[in-house]
Protein backbone atom coordinates (compact mmCIF):
# COMPACT_ATOMS: atom_id res chain seq x y z
CA MET A 1 54.36 -51.16 -27.15
CA LYS A 2 57.76 -50.27 -28.36
CA ASP A 3 60.16 -48.83 -25.60
CA TYR A 4 60.72 -45.37 -27.44
CA ILE A 5 56.92 -44.94 -27.57
CA GLU A 6 56.38 -45.66 -24.09
CA GLU A 7 59.39 -43.23 -23.11
CA ARG A 8 57.87 -40.50 -25.38
CA VAL A 9 54.46 -40.99 -23.76
CA LEU A 10 55.85 -40.58 -20.24
CA GLU A 11 58.02 -37.57 -21.17
CA LEU A 12 54.91 -35.87 -22.75
CA ALA A 13 52.81 -36.57 -19.67
CA ARG A 14 55.43 -35.38 -17.36
CA TYR A 15 56.04 -32.10 -19.43
CA ILE A 16 52.15 -31.39 -19.65
CA THR A 17 51.70 -31.90 -15.95
CA GLU A 18 55.02 -29.84 -14.85
CA THR A 19 54.26 -27.02 -17.19
CA GLY A 20 50.50 -26.89 -17.80
CA ALA A 21 51.26 -27.11 -21.47
CA THR A 22 48.45 -27.60 -24.15
CA VAL A 23 48.32 -30.47 -26.61
CA ARG A 24 49.48 -27.97 -29.20
CA SER A 25 52.53 -26.54 -27.39
CA ALA A 26 53.45 -30.07 -26.30
CA ALA A 27 53.41 -31.34 -29.87
CA ALA A 28 55.54 -28.39 -31.02
CA ARG A 29 58.01 -29.11 -28.10
CA PHE A 30 58.30 -32.77 -28.86
CA ARG A 31 58.11 -32.27 -32.77
CA VAL A 32 55.16 -34.66 -33.27
CA SER A 33 51.67 -34.04 -34.38
CA LYS A 34 48.84 -32.88 -32.15
CA SER A 35 47.21 -36.20 -33.15
CA THR A 36 50.13 -38.23 -31.79
CA VAL A 37 50.08 -36.18 -28.57
CA HIS A 38 46.30 -36.72 -27.98
CA LYS A 39 46.57 -40.59 -28.69
CA ASP A 40 49.66 -40.83 -26.51
CA ILE A 41 48.04 -38.99 -23.48
CA THR A 42 44.51 -40.31 -23.96
CA GLU A 43 45.02 -43.86 -24.80
CA ARG A 44 48.53 -45.05 -24.41
CA LEU A 45 49.31 -43.42 -21.17
CA LEU A 46 46.15 -44.92 -19.56
CA GLU A 47 47.73 -48.40 -20.27
CA ILE A 48 51.10 -47.40 -19.03
CA ASN A 49 50.26 -45.21 -15.80
CA PRO A 50 46.61 -44.55 -15.10
CA GLY A 51 47.46 -42.24 -12.23
CA LEU A 52 49.55 -39.82 -14.21
CA ALA A 53 46.90 -40.16 -17.01
CA ALA A 54 44.38 -38.73 -14.57
CA GLU A 55 46.61 -35.92 -13.57
CA VAL A 56 47.21 -35.02 -17.32
CA LYS A 57 43.44 -35.08 -17.84
CA GLU A 58 43.05 -32.52 -15.31
CA VAL A 59 45.46 -30.21 -16.96
CA LEU A 60 43.95 -30.59 -20.29
CA GLU A 61 40.51 -29.93 -18.91
CA LYS A 62 41.65 -26.83 -17.12
CA ASN A 63 43.28 -25.68 -20.52
CA LYS A 64 40.05 -26.45 -22.23
CA ALA A 65 38.06 -24.44 -19.91
CA GLN A 66 40.33 -21.41 -20.07
CA ARG A 67 40.09 -21.67 -23.97
CA ASP A 68 36.24 -21.84 -23.70
CA ARG A 69 36.13 -18.73 -21.35
CA LYS A 70 38.31 -16.80 -23.74
CA SER A 71 36.19 -17.74 -26.60
CA THR A 72 32.95 -16.71 -24.79
CA ARG A 73 34.48 -13.33 -24.06
CA LEU A 74 35.55 -12.83 -27.50
CA ASN A 75 32.07 -13.66 -28.93
CA SER A 76 30.11 -11.63 -26.35
CA SER A 77 31.96 -8.58 -27.32
CA HIS A 78 32.07 -9.16 -30.93
CA GLY A 79 29.40 -7.18 -32.93
CA LYS A 80 28.62 -4.80 -30.28
CA LEU A 81 28.40 -1.07 -31.39
CA SER A 82 30.05 1.42 -29.30
């Protein structure tokens, strides 16, 4: 793996764990695609630093749970007549 890719992977991982950022916001911050962020943190990071990969996974799972709860709230109130 090229050095600059490894650096980006570690920077992305640190950013996500320190800020609780989503894949989308990390992609915007680092000016890369969401696909690149996803591949970096789910595949490349696992090879570079498995411990940090586990931390990032926890943050992303928390973000997903929040998104799912928000979606459920919106859907449950949608279509109700007042």
